[in-house]
Amino acid sequence: MSQQNASVRLRTLEAEGLIERKGRMLALTKEGILSLRKSYSQLKSVFENPGFKFSGQVVDGLGEGRYYMTKRPYVKDFEKKLGFRPFGGTLNLEIPDALLEQRLQLRETPPVKISGFRMGGRTFGPIDAYRCKVGAENGAIIFPIRNHHPLNVLEVVAPSNLRKALSLSSGSKVEVEAIF
């Protein structure tokens, strides 16, 4: 690139607080290092992890998934952005601690954004979703912005009742694979 183009890019990085000038030298700021680490983590997950697979066991939830997944604005956004109408409920999967790092890496991957909305004087928050497969069933791993689950529990939605479709019950072992 030309010297002029390089100068413009460096000024932009400096204005964004990612680098700072120290005399004739340039140095990364703390924000710049964090930004590079995030980019590295995203690239690492693309090149080193062909996909994200989570194995765990089915656990009972609080029954709230049924309430939320039947709200019309959520249903319409799921249909529009993921191509399916979610069954009125979620499948909760407890994953071992060894998979928590992988879960965090998944969250650094750009999600499908399901919009939040207001209804009846109440606010329903947005949901980050990742397409997935549970057995032969298509679905999505979801991360509601407002969530009561610990880090080791994944919520999965699908067009069908996954417990019935896959003959699952509490304690059943299951594998979920994120699809990109």
N, C-alpha and C. Protein backbone atom coordinates (compact mmCIF):
# COMPACT_ATOMS: atom_id res chain seq x y z
N MET A 1 0.85 -1.18 0.00
CA MET A 1 0.00 0.00 0.00
C MET A 1 0.89 1.23 0.00
N SER A 2 0.33 2.30 -0.44
CA SER A 2 1.11 3.54 -0.52
C SER A 2 1.36 4.10 0.88
N GLN A 3 2.38 4.97 0.98
CA GLN A 3 2.71 5.61 2.26
C GLN A 3 1.54 6.45 2.74
N GLN A 4 0.84 7.11 1.82
CA GLN A 4 -0.30 7.94 2.20
C GLN A 4 -1.43 7.08 2.77
N ASN A 5 -1.70 5.95 2.14
CA ASN A 5 -2.75 5.05 2.62
C ASN A 5 -2.38 4.49 4.00
N ALA A 6 -1.11 4.13 4.17
CA ALA A 6 -0.65 3.63 5.47
C ALA A 6 -0.81 4.70 6.55
N SER A 7 -0.49 5.95 6.22
CA SER A 7 -0.62 7.04 7.19
C SER A 7 -2.08 7.24 7.60
N VAL A 8 -2.99 7.16 6.65
CA VAL A 8 -4.42 7.31 6.95
C VAL A 8 -4.87 6.19 7.88
N ARG A 9 -4.45 4.97 7.58
CA ARG A 9 -4.85 3.83 8.43
C ARG A 9 -4.28 3.94 9.83
N LEU A 10 -3.05 4.39 9.94
CA LEU A 10 -2.44 4.55 11.27
C LEU A 10 -3.16 5.64 12.06
N ARG A 11 -3.52 6.75 11.41
CA ARG A 11 -4.26 7.81 12.10
C ARG A 11 -5.62 7.29 12.57
N THR A 12 -6.26 6.45 11.76
CA THR A 12 -7.55 5.87 12.14
C THR A 12 -7.39 4.97 13.36
N LEU A 13 -6.37 4.11 13.36
CA LEU A 13 -6.12 3.23 14.51
C LEU A 13 -5.82 4.04 15.77
N GLU A 14 -5.11 5.14 15.58
CA GLU A 14 -4.80 6.01 16.72
C GLU A 14 -6.07 6.69 17.24
N ALA A 15 -6.90 7.16 16.34
CA ALA A 15 -8.16 7.82 16.75
C ALA A 15 -9.08 6.83 17.46
N GLU A 16 -9.02 5.55 17.08
CA GLU A 16 -9.85 4.53 17.72
C GLU A 16 -9.25 4.04 19.04
N GLY A 17 -8.07 4.56 19.38
CA GLY A 17 -7.44 4.19 20.65
C GLY A 17 -6.77 2.82 20.63
N LEU A 18 -6.45 2.32 19.44
CA LEU A 18 -5.84 0.99 19.34
C LEU A 18 -4.31 1.04 19.32
N ILE A 19 -3.77 2.19 18.89
CA ILE A 19 -2.32 2.40 18.93
C ILE A 19 -2.04 3.78 19.49
N GLU A 20 -0.79 3.98 19.90
CA GLU A 20 -0.36 5.31 20.34
C GLU A 20 1.06 5.56 19.84
N ARG A 21 1.35 6.81 19.64
CA ARG A 21 2.69 7.19 19.16
C ARG A 21 3.59 7.45 20.35
N LYS A 22 4.79 6.93 20.26
CA LYS A 22 5.82 7.17 21.27
C LYS A 22 7.06 7.64 20.52
N GLY A 23 7.11 8.96 20.32
CA GLY A 23 8.18 9.50 19.49
C GLY A 23 7.96 9.06 18.05
N ARG A 24 8.96 8.40 17.50
CA ARG A 24 8.84 7.91 16.12
C ARG A 24 8.32 6.48 16.07
N MET A 25 8.03 5.94 17.23
CA MET A 25 7.59 4.55 17.32
C MET A 25 6.06 4.51 17.52
N LEU A 26 5.49 3.36 17.21
CA LEU A 26 4.07 3.10 17.45
C LEU A 26 3.97 1.95 18.43
N ALA A 27 2.99 2.02 19.32
CA ALA A 27 2.78 0.94 20.29
C ALA A 27 1.29 0.63 20.37
N LEU A 28 1.01 -0.64 20.61
CA LEU A 28 -0.38 -1.04 20.83
C LEU A 28 -0.83 -0.58 22.20
N THR A 29 -2.07 -0.11 22.29
CA THR A 29 -2.65 0.21 23.59
C THR A 29 -3.26 -1.08 24.16
N LYS A 30 -3.74 -1.00 25.40
CA LYS A 30 -4.43 -2.15 25.99
C LYS A 30 -5.63 -2.54 25.13
N GLU A 31 -6.37 -1.54 24.63
CA GLU A 31 -7.52 -1.79 23.77
C GLU A 31 -7.09 -2.46 22.48
N GLY A 32 -5.94 -2.03 21.94
CA GLY A 32 -5.41 -2.64 20.71
C GLY A 32 -5.05 -4.10 20.91
N ILE A 33 -4.44 -4.39 22.05
CA ILE A 33 -4.08 -5.77 22.35
C ILE A 33 -5.34 -6.62 22.51
N LEU A 34 -6.35 -6.10 23.21
CA LEU A 34 -7.61 -6.83 23.37
C LEU A 34 -8.26 -7.08 22.01
N SER A 35 -8.23 -6.09 21.14
CA SER A 35 -8.82 -6.23 19.81
C SER A 35 -8.09 -7.31 19.01
N LEU A 36 -6.77 -7.30 19.08
CA LEU A 36 -5.98 -8.33 18.39
C LEU A 36 -6.26 -9.72 18.94
N ARG A 37 -6.37 -9.83 20.26
CA ARG A 37 -6.66 -11.13 20.88
C ARG A 37 -8.03 -11.65 20.42
N LYS A 38 -9.00 -10.75 20.35
CA LYS A 38 -10.33 -11.16 19.90
C LYS A 38 -10.27 -11.63 18.45
N SER A 39 -9.58 -10.87 17.60
CA SER A 39 -9.43 -11.27 16.20
C SER A 39 -8.70 -12.59 16.09
N TYR A 40 -7.65 -12.76 16.88
CA TYR A 40 -6.90 -14.01 16.86
C TYR A 40 -7.80 -15.18 17.27
N SER A 41 -8.57 -14.98 18.31
CA SER A 41 -9.45 -16.05 18.80
C SER A 41 -10.47 -16.42 17.73
N GLN A 42 -11.03 -15.43 17.05
CA GLN A 42 -11.99 -15.71 15.99
C GLN A 42 -11.34 -16.46 14.83
N LEU A 43 -10.16 -16.00 14.42
CA LEU A 43 -9.46 -16.68 13.33
C LEU A 43 -9.02 -18.08 13.74
N LYS A 44 -8.57 -18.22 14.97
CA LYS A 44 -8.16 -19.53 15.47
C LYS A 44 -9.33 -20.51 15.43
N SER A 45 -10.51 -20.04 15.83
CA SER A 45 -11.67 -20.93 15.82
C SER A 45 -12.05 -21.32 14.39
N VAL A 46 -11.82 -20.42 13.42
CA VAL A 46 -12.14 -20.74 12.04
C VAL A 46 -11.15 -21.77 11.48
N PHE A 47 -9.86 -21.56 11.74
CA PHE A 47 -8.84 -22.41 11.14
C PHE A 47 -8.54 -23.68 11.93
N GLU A 48 -8.70 -23.65 13.23
CA GLU A 48 -8.35 -24.81 14.04
C GLU A 48 -9.55 -25.66 14.43
N ASN A 49 -10.73 -25.07 14.49
CA ASN A 49 -11.93 -25.81 14.87
C ASN A 49 -12.86 -25.87 13.66
N PRO A 50 -12.97 -27.03 13.01
CA PRO A 50 -13.86 -27.12 11.87
C PRO A 50 -15.32 -26.93 12.29
N GLY A 51 -15.61 -27.06 13.55
CA GLY A 51 -16.96 -26.88 14.05
C GLY A 51 -16.95 -26.96 15.56
N PHE A 52 -18.07 -26.73 16.12
CA PHE A 52 -18.21 -26.81 17.57
C PHE A 52 -19.17 -27.95 17.88
N LYS A 53 -18.69 -28.94 18.61
CA LYS A 53 -19.53 -30.06 19.03
C LYS A 53 -19.58 -30.08 20.54
N PHE A 54 -20.78 -30.20 21.04
CA PHE A 54 -20.99 -30.24 22.48
C PHE A 54 -21.71 -31.53 22.83
N SER A 55 -21.11 -32.29 23.72
CA SER A 55 -21.76 -33.49 24.23
C SER A 55 -22.10 -33.23 25.68
N GLY A 56 -23.26 -33.65 26.07
CA GLY A 56 -23.67 -33.46 27.45
C GLY A 56 -24.92 -34.25 27.74
N GLN A 57 -25.55 -33.90 28.83
CA GLN A 57 -26.77 -34.61 29.19
C GLN A 57 -27.94 -33.65 29.32
N VAL A 58 -29.10 -34.16 28.98
CA VAL A 58 -30.32 -33.38 29.03
C VAL A 58 -30.67 -33.11 30.50
N VAL A 59 -30.98 -31.85 30.79
CA VAL A 59 -31.41 -31.48 32.14
C VAL A 59 -32.73 -30.72 32.04
N ASP A 60 -33.50 -30.79 33.10
CA ASP A 60 -34.77 -30.07 33.14
C ASP A 60 -34.50 -28.58 33.33
N GLY A 61 -35.33 -27.77 32.70
CA GLY A 61 -35.25 -26.32 32.88
C GLY A 61 -36.34 -25.86 33.83
N LEU A 62 -36.59 -24.57 33.78
CA LEU A 62 -37.60 -23.97 34.64
C LEU A 62 -38.96 -23.88 33.96
N GLY A 63 -39.04 -24.30 32.69
CA GLY A 63 -40.29 -24.20 31.95
C GLY A 63 -40.49 -22.84 31.30
N GLU A 64 -39.51 -21.96 31.41
CA GLU A 64 -39.64 -20.61 30.85
C GLU A 64 -39.49 -20.61 29.33
N GLY A 65 -38.73 -21.56 28.79
CA GLY A 65 -38.52 -21.62 27.35
C GLY A 65 -39.83 -21.69 26.59
N ARG A 66 -40.78 -22.43 27.11
CA ARG A 66 -42.10 -22.56 26.49
C ARG A 66 -42.76 -21.18 26.38
N TYR A 67 -42.69 -20.42 27.45
CA TYR A 67 -43.30 -19.09 27.50
C TYR A 67 -42.69 -18.18 26.43
N TYR A 68 -41.36 -18.14 26.39
CA TYR A 68 -40.69 -17.21 25.49
C TYR A 68 -40.76 -17.64 24.02
N MET A 69 -40.58 -18.93 23.76
CA MET A 69 -40.53 -19.40 22.38
C MET A 69 -41.88 -19.36 21.68
N THR A 70 -42.94 -19.05 22.40
CA THR A 70 -44.25 -18.93 21.76
C THR A 70 -44.66 -17.47 21.53
N LYS A 71 -43.81 -16.54 21.92
CA LYS A 71 -44.11 -15.12 21.70
C LYS A 71 -43.99 -14.81 20.20
N ARG A 72 -45.06 -14.27 19.66
CA ARG A 72 -45.15 -14.06 18.21
C ARG A 72 -43.95 -13.32 17.60
N PRO A 73 -43.45 -12.22 18.19
CA PRO A 73 -42.30 -11.54 17.58
C PRO A 73 -41.06 -12.44 17.50
N TYR A 74 -40.82 -13.26 18.53
CA TYR A 74 -39.70 -14.19 18.47
C TYR A 74 -39.93 -15.22 17.36
N VAL A 75 -41.15 -15.79 17.32
CA VAL A 75 -41.47 -16.82 16.33
C VAL A 75 -41.24 -16.28 14.92
N LYS A 76 -41.74 -15.07 14.65
CA LYS A 76 -41.59 -14.47 13.32
C LYS A 76 -40.12 -14.24 12.97
N ASP A 77 -39.32 -13.79 13.94
CA ASP A 77 -37.90 -13.54 13.67
C ASP A 77 -37.14 -14.85 13.46
N PHE A 78 -37.48 -15.88 14.22
CA PHE A 78 -36.86 -17.20 14.00
C PHE A 78 -37.18 -17.69 12.59
N GLU A 79 -38.45 -17.57 12.19
CA GLU A 79 -38.84 -18.01 10.85
C GLU A 79 -38.07 -17.24 9.77
N LYS A 80 -37.99 -15.94 9.94
CA LYS A 80 -37.34 -15.08 8.95
C LYS A 80 -35.83 -15.33 8.88
N LYS A 81 -35.18 -15.43 10.04
CA LYS A 81 -33.72 -15.49 10.06
C LYS A 81 -33.13 -16.89 10.11
N LEU A 82 -33.86 -17.86 10.64
CA LEU A 82 -33.34 -19.22 10.73
C LEU A 82 -34.13 -20.22 9.90
N GLY A 83 -35.27 -19.77 9.38
CA GLY A 83 -36.02 -20.63 8.49
C GLY A 83 -36.90 -21.67 9.15
N PHE A 84 -37.14 -21.53 10.44
CA PHE A 84 -38.06 -22.45 11.10
C PHE A 84 -38.81 -21.77 12.22
N ARG A 85 -39.98 -22.35 12.52
CA ARG A 85 -40.82 -21.90 13.62
C ARG A 85 -40.44 -22.75 14.83
N PRO A 86 -39.94 -22.14 15.90
CA PRO A 86 -39.47 -22.94 17.03
C PRO A 86 -40.61 -23.62 17.78
N PHE A 87 -40.37 -24.86 18.17
CA PHE A 87 -41.28 -25.56 19.07
C PHE A 87 -41.36 -24.76 20.35
N GLY A 88 -42.48 -24.80 21.02
CA GLY A 88 -42.68 -24.03 22.25
C GLY A 88 -41.94 -24.61 23.43
N GLY A 89 -40.65 -24.48 23.43
CA GLY A 89 -39.82 -24.95 24.54
C GLY A 89 -38.38 -25.08 24.10
N THR A 90 -37.50 -25.29 25.04
CA THR A 90 -36.09 -25.46 24.74
C THR A 90 -35.60 -26.79 25.30
N LEU A 91 -34.56 -27.32 24.69
CA LEU A 91 -33.87 -28.49 25.22
C LEU A 91 -32.64 -27.95 25.94
N ASN A 92 -32.50 -28.28 27.21
CA ASN A 92 -31.36 -27.81 28.00
C ASN A 92 -30.33 -28.92 28.08
N LEU A 93 -29.10 -28.57 27.74
CA LEU A 93 -28.01 -29.54 27.71
C LEU A 93 -26.91 -29.09 28.67
N GLU A 94 -26.62 -29.91 29.66
CA GLU A 94 -25.53 -29.62 30.59
C GLU A 94 -24.25 -30.20 30.01
N ILE A 95 -23.28 -29.32 29.78
CA ILE A 95 -22.01 -29.76 29.20
C ILE A 95 -20.94 -29.82 30.29
N PRO A 96 -19.94 -30.70 30.11
CA PRO A 96 -18.87 -30.79 31.10
C PRO A 96 -17.99 -29.53 31.08
N ASP A 97 -17.33 -29.28 32.19
CA ASP A 97 -16.46 -28.11 32.32
C ASP A 97 -15.39 -28.07 31.23
N ALA A 98 -14.97 -29.23 30.73
CA ALA A 98 -13.94 -29.30 29.70
C ALA A 98 -14.39 -28.61 28.40
N LEU A 99 -15.70 -28.43 28.21
CA LEU A 99 -16.21 -27.80 26.99
C LEU A 99 -16.55 -26.32 27.17
N LEU A 100 -16.30 -25.77 28.35
CA LEU A 100 -16.64 -24.36 28.59
C LEU A 100 -15.83 -23.42 27.70
N GLU A 101 -14.56 -23.73 27.48
CA GLU A 101 -13.73 -22.87 26.62
C GLU A 101 -14.29 -22.87 25.20
N GLN A 102 -14.73 -24.03 24.73
CA GLN A 102 -15.32 -24.13 23.40
C GLN A 102 -16.61 -23.32 23.33
N ARG A 103 -17.40 -23.35 24.39
CA ARG A 103 -18.63 -22.57 24.46
C ARG A 103 -18.31 -21.08 24.34
N LEU A 104 -17.25 -20.64 25.04
CA LEU A 104 -16.85 -19.23 24.97
C LEU A 104 -16.36 -18.88 23.58
N GLN A 105 -15.66 -19.80 22.91
CA GLN A 105 -15.20 -19.56 21.54
C GLN A 105 -16.39 -19.44 20.60
N LEU A 106 -17.40 -20.28 20.79
CA LEU A 106 -18.60 -20.18 19.97
C LEU A 106 -19.21 -18.78 20.09
N ARG A 107 -19.24 -18.25 21.30
CA ARG A 107 -19.84 -16.94 21.54
C ARG A 107 -19.07 -15.81 20.86
N GLU A 108 -17.81 -16.06 20.51
CA GLU A 108 -17.02 -15.05 19.80
C GLU A 108 -17.28 -15.09 18.30
N THR A 109 -18.02 -16.09 17.85
CA THR A 109 -18.39 -16.22 16.45
C THR A 109 -19.66 -15.40 16.22
N PRO A 110 -19.74 -14.67 15.12
CA PRO A 110 -20.94 -13.85 14.89
C PRO A 110 -22.22 -14.70 14.87
N PRO A 111 -23.20 -14.33 15.71
CA PRO A 111 -24.45 -15.10 15.77
C PRO A 111 -25.50 -14.57 14.78
N VAL A 112 -26.58 -15.32 14.67
CA VAL A 112 -27.79 -14.80 14.04
C VAL A 112 -28.51 -14.05 15.16
N LYS A 113 -28.83 -12.79 14.91
CA LYS A 113 -29.45 -11.94 15.94
C LYS A 113 -30.97 -12.01 15.84
N ILE A 114 -31.59 -12.51 16.90
CA ILE A 114 -33.04 -12.51 17.01
C ILE A 114 -33.41 -11.26 17.80
N SER A 115 -34.24 -10.43 17.23
CA SER A 115 -34.54 -9.12 17.82
C SER A 115 -35.37 -9.22 19.09
N GLY A 116 -35.09 -8.32 20.01
CA GLY A 116 -35.93 -8.15 21.18
C GLY A 116 -37.13 -7.29 20.82
N PHE A 117 -38.06 -7.14 21.76
CA PHE A 117 -39.26 -6.38 21.49
C PHE A 117 -39.94 -5.99 22.80
N ARG A 118 -40.95 -5.13 22.69
CA ARG A 118 -41.79 -4.76 23.84
C ARG A 118 -43.19 -5.29 23.57
N MET A 119 -43.81 -5.82 24.63
CA MET A 119 -45.16 -6.34 24.50
C MET A 119 -45.83 -6.26 25.86
N GLY A 120 -47.02 -5.69 25.89
CA GLY A 120 -47.77 -5.62 27.14
C GLY A 120 -47.03 -4.92 28.26
N GLY A 121 -46.29 -3.87 27.93
CA GLY A 121 -45.55 -3.11 28.93
C GLY A 121 -44.30 -3.82 29.43
N ARG A 122 -43.92 -4.89 28.77
CA ARG A 122 -42.76 -5.67 29.18
C ARG A 122 -41.73 -5.72 28.05
N THR A 123 -40.46 -5.76 28.41
CA THR A 123 -39.39 -5.84 27.42
C THR A 123 -38.88 -7.28 27.34
N PHE A 124 -38.78 -7.79 26.12
CA PHE A 124 -38.22 -9.11 25.86
C PHE A 124 -36.91 -8.89 25.12
N GLY A 125 -35.82 -9.36 25.70
CA GLY A 125 -34.49 -9.08 25.18
C GLY A 125 -34.14 -9.85 23.93
N PRO A 126 -33.09 -9.40 23.25
CA PRO A 126 -32.63 -10.08 22.05
C PRO A 126 -32.01 -11.45 22.38
N ILE A 127 -31.88 -12.26 21.35
CA ILE A 127 -31.32 -13.61 21.50
C ILE A 127 -30.24 -13.79 20.44
N ASP A 128 -29.09 -14.31 20.83
CA ASP A 128 -28.06 -14.70 19.87
C ASP A 128 -28.28 -16.17 19.57
N ALA A 129 -28.29 -16.53 18.28
CA ALA A 129 -28.56 -17.90 17.89
C ALA A 129 -27.48 -18.42 16.94
N TYR A 130 -27.21 -19.71 17.03
CA TYR A 130 -26.25 -20.40 16.18
C TYR A 130 -26.92 -21.65 15.64
N ARG A 131 -26.99 -21.76 14.31
CA ARG A 131 -27.59 -22.95 13.71
C ARG A 131 -26.87 -24.20 14.23
N CYS A 132 -27.64 -25.28 14.40
CA CYS A 132 -27.03 -26.51 14.89
C CYS A 132 -27.80 -27.73 14.41
N LYS A 133 -27.21 -28.88 14.66
CA LYS A 133 -27.84 -30.18 14.43
C LYS A 133 -27.82 -30.93 15.75
N VAL A 134 -28.95 -31.55 16.06
CA VAL A 134 -29.05 -32.44 17.21
C VAL A 134 -29.52 -33.75 16.60
N GLY A 135 -28.60 -34.70 16.49
CA GLY A 135 -28.92 -35.89 15.72
C GLY A 135 -29.20 -35.46 14.30
N ALA A 136 -30.34 -35.89 13.74
CA ALA A 136 -30.72 -35.52 12.38
C ALA A 136 -31.59 -34.26 12.36
N GLU A 137 -31.86 -33.70 13.53
CA GLU A 137 -32.77 -32.55 13.65
C GLU A 137 -32.01 -31.23 13.53
N ASN A 138 -32.56 -30.31 12.74
CA ASN A 138 -32.01 -28.96 12.65
C ASN A 138 -32.54 -28.13 13.81
N GLY A 139 -31.75 -27.18 14.24
CA GLY A 139 -32.18 -26.31 15.32
C GLY A 139 -31.22 -25.15 15.48
N ALA A 140 -31.21 -24.59 16.68
CA ALA A 140 -30.31 -23.48 16.98
C ALA A 140 -29.96 -23.50 18.47
N ILE A 141 -28.68 -23.29 18.74
CA ILE A 141 -28.24 -23.06 20.11
C ILE A 141 -28.54 -21.58 20.36
N ILE A 142 -29.22 -21.29 21.45
CA ILE A 142 -29.59 -19.89 21.70
C ILE A 142 -28.96 -19.38 23.00
N PHE A 143 -28.68 -18.09 22.98
CA PHE A 143 -28.15 -17.40 24.14
C PHE A 143 -28.99 -16.14 24.35
N PRO A 144 -30.09 -16.27 25.10
CA PRO A 144 -30.87 -15.07 25.40
C PRO A 144 -30.01 -14.09 26.20
N ILE A 145 -30.15 -12.82 25.90
CA ILE A 145 -29.38 -11.81 26.62
C ILE A 145 -29.73 -11.86 28.11
N ARG A 146 -30.99 -12.10 28.40
CA ARG A 146 -31.41 -12.31 29.80
C ARG A 146 -31.53 -13.82 29.99
N ASN A 147 -30.66 -14.35 30.82
CA ASN A 147 -30.59 -15.79 30.95
C ASN A 147 -30.34 -16.16 32.40
N HIS A 148 -30.95 -17.24 32.87
CA HIS A 148 -30.78 -17.68 34.24
C HIS A 148 -29.93 -18.95 34.33
N HIS A 149 -29.48 -19.46 33.18
CA HIS A 149 -28.70 -20.70 33.20
C HIS A 149 -27.23 -20.43 33.50
N PRO A 150 -26.56 -21.37 34.16
CA PRO A 150 -25.12 -21.24 34.35
C PRO A 150 -24.41 -21.47 33.01
N LEU A 151 -23.11 -21.17 32.97
CA LEU A 151 -22.33 -21.30 31.73
C LEU A 151 -22.33 -22.72 31.17
N ASN A 152 -22.52 -23.72 32.01
CA ASN A 152 -22.42 -25.09 31.53
C ASN A 152 -23.75 -25.63 31.00
N VAL A 153 -24.74 -24.78 30.81
CA VAL A 153 -26.01 -25.23 30.25
C VAL A 153 -26.25 -24.50 28.92
N LEU A 154 -26.45 -25.29 27.86
CA LEU A 154 -26.80 -24.76 26.55
C LEU A 154 -28.29 -24.94 26.34
N GLU A 155 -28.92 -23.95 25.71
CA GLU A 155 -30.33 -24.04 25.36
C GLU A 155 -30.42 -24.24 23.85
N VAL A 156 -31.24 -25.20 23.44
CA VAL A 156 -31.40 -25.51 22.03
C VAL A 156 -32.88 -25.43 21.67
N VAL A 157 -33.18 -24.78 20.55
CA VAL A 157 -34.54 -24.76 20.03
C VAL A 157 -34.54 -25.44 18.66
N ALA A 158 -35.68 -25.96 18.29
CA ALA A 158 -35.84 -26.65 17.01
C ALA A 158 -37.29 -26.56 16.59
N PRO A 159 -37.59 -26.92 15.35
CA PRO A 159 -38.98 -26.88 14.91
C PRO A 159 -39.83 -27.96 15.56
N SER A 160 -39.18 -28.98 16.10
CA SER A 160 -39.93 -30.07 16.74
C SER A 160 -39.54 -30.19 18.21
N ASN A 161 -40.31 -30.95 18.94
CA ASN A 161 -40.00 -31.26 20.33
C ASN A 161 -38.85 -32.26 20.31
N LEU A 162 -37.65 -31.80 20.61
CA LEU A 162 -36.47 -32.65 20.51
C LEU A 162 -36.52 -33.85 21.46
N ARG A 163 -37.11 -33.66 22.62
CA ARG A 163 -37.22 -34.80 23.55
C ARG A 163 -38.01 -35.93 22.92
N LYS A 164 -39.11 -35.59 22.26
CA LYS A 164 -39.93 -36.63 21.62
C LYS A 164 -39.28 -37.15 20.35
N ALA A 165 -38.80 -36.24 19.49
CA ALA A 165 -38.23 -36.63 18.20
C ALA A 165 -37.03 -37.56 18.35
N LEU A 166 -36.24 -37.35 19.41
CA LEU A 166 -35.03 -38.14 19.62
C LEU A 166 -35.14 -39.10 20.80
N SER A 167 -36.34 -39.24 21.34
CA SER A 167 -36.58 -40.13 22.50
C SER A 167 -35.63 -39.82 23.65
N LEU A 168 -35.59 -38.56 24.03
CA LEU A 168 -34.70 -38.10 25.10
C LEU A 168 -35.48 -37.90 26.39
N SER A 169 -34.80 -38.08 27.51
CA SER A 169 -35.37 -37.75 28.81
C SER A 169 -34.24 -37.14 29.64
N SER A 170 -34.58 -36.66 30.82
CA SER A 170 -33.54 -36.08 31.68
C SER A 170 -32.46 -37.11 31.92
N GLY A 171 -31.21 -36.67 31.75
CA GLY A 171 -30.08 -37.56 31.92
C GLY A 171 -29.59 -38.21 30.64
N SER A 172 -30.39 -38.13 29.55
CA SER A 172 -29.97 -38.70 28.27
C SER A 172 -28.74 -37.98 27.77
N LYS A 173 -27.84 -38.73 27.17
CA LYS A 173 -26.65 -38.15 26.54
C LYS A 173 -27.02 -37.72 25.14
N VAL A 174 -26.54 -36.55 24.74
CA VAL A 174 -26.84 -36.03 23.41
C VAL A 174 -25.68 -35.18 22.91
N GLU A 175 -25.54 -35.12 21.59
CA GLU A 175 -24.49 -34.30 20.97
C GLU A 175 -25.15 -33.24 20.10
N VAL A 176 -24.65 -32.02 20.23
CA VAL A 176 -25.13 -30.89 19.44
C VAL A 176 -23.93 -30.32 18.68
N GLU A 177 -24.14 -30.11 17.38
CA GLU A 177 -23.06 -29.57 16.56
C GLU A 177 -23.50 -28.25 15.94
N ALA A 178 -22.75 -27.18 16.23
CA ALA A 178 -23.02 -25.88 15.61
C ALA A 178 -22.64 -25.96 14.14
N ILE A 179 -23.47 -25.36 13.29
CA ILE A 179 -23.27 -25.41 11.85
C ILE A 179 -23.14 -23.99 11.32
N PHE A 180 -22.11 -23.78 10.49
CA PHE A 180 -21.87 -22.45 9.93
C PHE A 180 -21.94 -22.49 8.41
